[in-house]
Amino acid sequence: KLLGLLAQSKAVITVADPESELAAAATEGGFGLNIPPARPQEVALVLDSLAQDPARLAAYGAAGNIYGQQFGKTHGFESCLKELGAL
């Protein structure tokens, strides 16, 4: 589901342990923010803040689209072929 959101240029807010791969991807990809679990007020504040900042949402969406392209089917297939020495 994450790749689908990224392909649609949508900002992503994750709720995950800060040490998780999901949180690391959001930070690395610059496509959104991570909120640690059990912080519903923080989630609400972030959502309210983003709702008032369309430029920030667009920036997260664009970054997510770029980040997600590395996992595209074509790219993955080409990577496999390179590994096998077929390309």
C-alpha atoms as a PDB file:
ATOM      1  CA  LYS A   1       0.000   0.000   0.000  1.00  0.00           C
ATOM      2  CA  LEU A   2       2.878   2.367   0.696  1.00  0.00           C
ATOM      3  CA  LEU A   3       4.183   2.139  -2.866  1.00  0.00           C
ATOM      4  CA  GLY A   4       0.711   2.876  -4.182  1.00  0.00           C
ATOM      5  CA  LEU A   5       0.541   6.074  -2.144  1.00  0.00           C
ATOM      6  CA  LEU A   6       4.013   7.084  -3.246  1.00  0.00           C
ATOM      7  CA  ALA A   7       3.158   6.425  -6.906  1.00  0.00           C
ATOM      8  CA  GLN A   8       0.163   8.744  -6.521  1.00  0.00           C
ATOM      9  CA  SER A   9       2.396  11.496  -5.085  1.00  0.00           C
ATOM     10  CA  LYS A  10       0.659  11.426  -1.705  1.00  0.00           C
ATOM     11  CA  ALA A  11       2.292  12.567   1.521  1.00  0.00           C
ATOM     12  CA  VAL A  12       2.559   9.772   4.071  1.00  0.00           C
ATOM     13  CA  ILE A  13       2.201   9.974   7.830  1.00  0.00           C
ATOM     14  CA  THR A  14       3.375   6.787   9.491  1.00  0.00           C
ATOM     15  CA  VAL A  15       2.754   5.638  13.031  1.00  0.00           C
ATOM     16  CA  ALA A  16       5.622   3.317  13.824  1.00  0.00           C
ATOM     17  CA  ASP A  17       8.520   2.764  16.162  1.00  0.00           C
ATOM     18  CA  PRO A  18      11.167   5.382  15.327  1.00  0.00           C
ATOM     19  CA  GLU A  19      13.705   2.575  14.827  1.00  0.00           C
ATOM     20  CA  SER A  20      11.517   0.719  12.309  1.00  0.00           C
ATOM     21  CA  GLU A  21      12.226   0.371   8.602  1.00  0.00           C
ATOM     22  CA  LEU A  22       9.004   2.242   7.853  1.00  0.00           C
ATOM     23  CA  ALA A  23      10.090   5.274   9.888  1.00  0.00           C
ATOM     24  CA  ALA A  24      13.551   5.132   8.328  1.00  0.00           C
ATOM     25  CA  ALA A  25      12.048   5.042   4.823  1.00  0.00           C
ATOM     26  CA  ALA A  26       9.863   8.083   5.518  1.00  0.00           C
ATOM     27  CA  THR A  27      12.893   9.991   6.743  1.00  0.00           C
ATOM     28  CA  GLU A  28      15.235   8.776   3.999  1.00  0.00           C
ATOM     29  CA  GLY A  29      12.700   9.351   1.251  1.00  0.00           C
ATOM     30  CA  GLY A  30      11.495  12.695   2.598  1.00  0.00           C
ATOM     31  CA  PHE A  31       7.922  11.749   1.706  1.00  0.00           C
ATOM     32  CA  GLY A  32       6.318  12.361   5.081  1.00  0.00           C
ATOM     33  CA  LEU A  33       6.590  12.153   8.820  1.00  0.00           C
ATOM     34  CA  ASN A  34       6.657   9.397  11.389  1.00  0.00           C
ATOM     35  CA  ILE A  35       4.861   9.648  14.715  1.00  0.00           C
ATOM     36  CA  PRO A  36       5.744   7.139  17.420  1.00  0.00           C
ATOM     37  CA  PRO A  37       2.847   4.928  18.583  1.00  0.00           C
ATOM     38  CA  ALA A  38       0.506   6.016  21.382  1.00  0.00           C
ATOM     39  CA  ARG A  39       0.650   9.724  20.499  1.00  0.00           C
ATOM     40  CA  PRO A  40      -2.772  10.458  18.998  1.00  0.00           C
ATOM     41  CA  GLN A  41      -2.606  14.167  19.858  1.00  0.00           C
ATOM     42  CA  GLU A  42       0.640  14.477  17.899  1.00  0.00           C
ATOM     43  CA  VAL A  43      -0.941  12.748  14.910  1.00  0.00           C
ATOM     44  CA  ALA A  44      -3.853  15.202  15.057  1.00  0.00           C
ATOM     45  CA  LEU A  45      -1.507  18.200  15.267  1.00  0.00           C
ATOM     46  CA  VAL A  46       0.544  17.004  12.293  1.00  0.00           C
ATOM     47  CA  LEU A  47      -2.579  16.392  10.226  1.00  0.00           C
ATOM     48  CA  ASP A  48      -3.943  19.843  11.070  1.00  0.00           C
ATOM     49  CA  SER A  49      -0.605  21.440  10.250  1.00  0.00           C
ATOM     50  CA  LEU A  50      -0.326  19.671   6.899  1.00  0.00           C
ATOM     51  CA  ALA A  51      -3.914  20.530   5.995  1.00  0.00           C
ATOM     52  CA  GLN A  52      -2.892  24.189   6.223  1.00  0.00           C
ATOM     53  CA  ASP A  53       0.265  23.760   4.147  1.00  0.00           C
ATOM     54  CA  PRO A  54      -0.469  22.557   0.600  1.00  0.00           C
ATOM     55  CA  ALA A  55       3.083  23.352  -0.540  1.00  0.00           C
ATOM     56  CA  ARG A  56       4.517  21.011   2.082  1.00  0.00           C
ATOM     57  CA  LEU A  57       2.048  18.290   1.087  1.00  0.00           C
ATOM     58  CA  ALA A  58       3.058  18.700  -2.541  1.00  0.00           C
ATOM     59  CA  ALA A  59       6.749  18.522  -1.633  1.00  0.00           C
ATOM     60  CA  TYR A  60       6.219  15.319   0.354  1.00  0.00           C
ATOM     61  CA  GLY A  61       4.191  13.879  -2.520  1.00  0.00           C
ATOM     62  CA  ALA A  62       6.859  14.691  -5.110  1.00  0.00           C
ATOM     63  CA  ALA A  63       9.605  13.238  -2.921  1.00  0.00           C
ATOM     64  CA  GLY A  64       7.544  10.101  -2.376  1.00  0.00           C
ATOM     65  CA  ASN A  65       6.999   9.619  -6.087  1.00  0.00           C
ATOM     66  CA  ILE A  66      10.743   9.843  -6.700  1.00  0.00           C
ATOM     67  CA  TYR A  67      11.540   7.548  -3.772  1.00  0.00           C
ATOM     68  CA  GLY A  68       8.964   4.965  -4.843  1.00  0.00           C
ATOM     69  CA  GLN A  69      10.295   4.759  -8.392  1.00  0.00           C
ATOM     70  CA  GLN A  70      13.278   2.751  -7.182  1.00  0.00           C
ATOM     71  CA  PHE A  71      10.854  -0.045  -6.320  1.00  0.00           C
ATOM     72  CA  GLY A  72       8.934   0.034  -9.598  1.00  0.00           C
ATOM     73  CA  LYS A  73       8.317  -3.235 -11.423  1.00  0.00           C
ATOM     74  CA  THR A  74      10.464  -2.287 -14.395  1.00  0.00           C
ATOM     75  CA  HIS A  75      13.343  -1.159 -12.226  1.00  0.00           C
ATOM     76  CA  GLY A  76      13.137  -4.298 -10.117  1.00  0.00           C
ATOM     77  CA  PHE A  77      13.091  -6.502 -13.190  1.00  0.00           C
ATOM     78  CA  GLU A  78      16.086  -4.693 -14.683  1.00  0.00           C
ATOM     79  CA  SER A  79      17.967  -5.032 -11.392  1.00  0.00           C
ATOM     80  CA  CYS A  80      17.339  -8.789 -11.394  1.00  0.00           C
ATOM     81  CA  LEU A  81      18.556  -9.095 -14.968  1.00  0.00           C
ATOM     82  CA  LYS A  82      21.734  -7.168 -14.104  1.00  0.00           C
ATOM     83  CA  GLU A  83      22.329  -9.449 -11.132  1.00  0.00           C
ATOM     84  CA  LEU A  84      21.996 -12.448 -13.421  1.00  0.00           C
ATOM     85  CA  GLY A  85      24.326 -10.876 -15.966  1.00  0.00           C
ATOM     86  CA  ALA A  86      21.620 -10.725 -18.603  1.00  0.00           C
ATOM     87  CA  LEU A  87      22.009  -6.949 -19.090  1.00  0.00           C
END
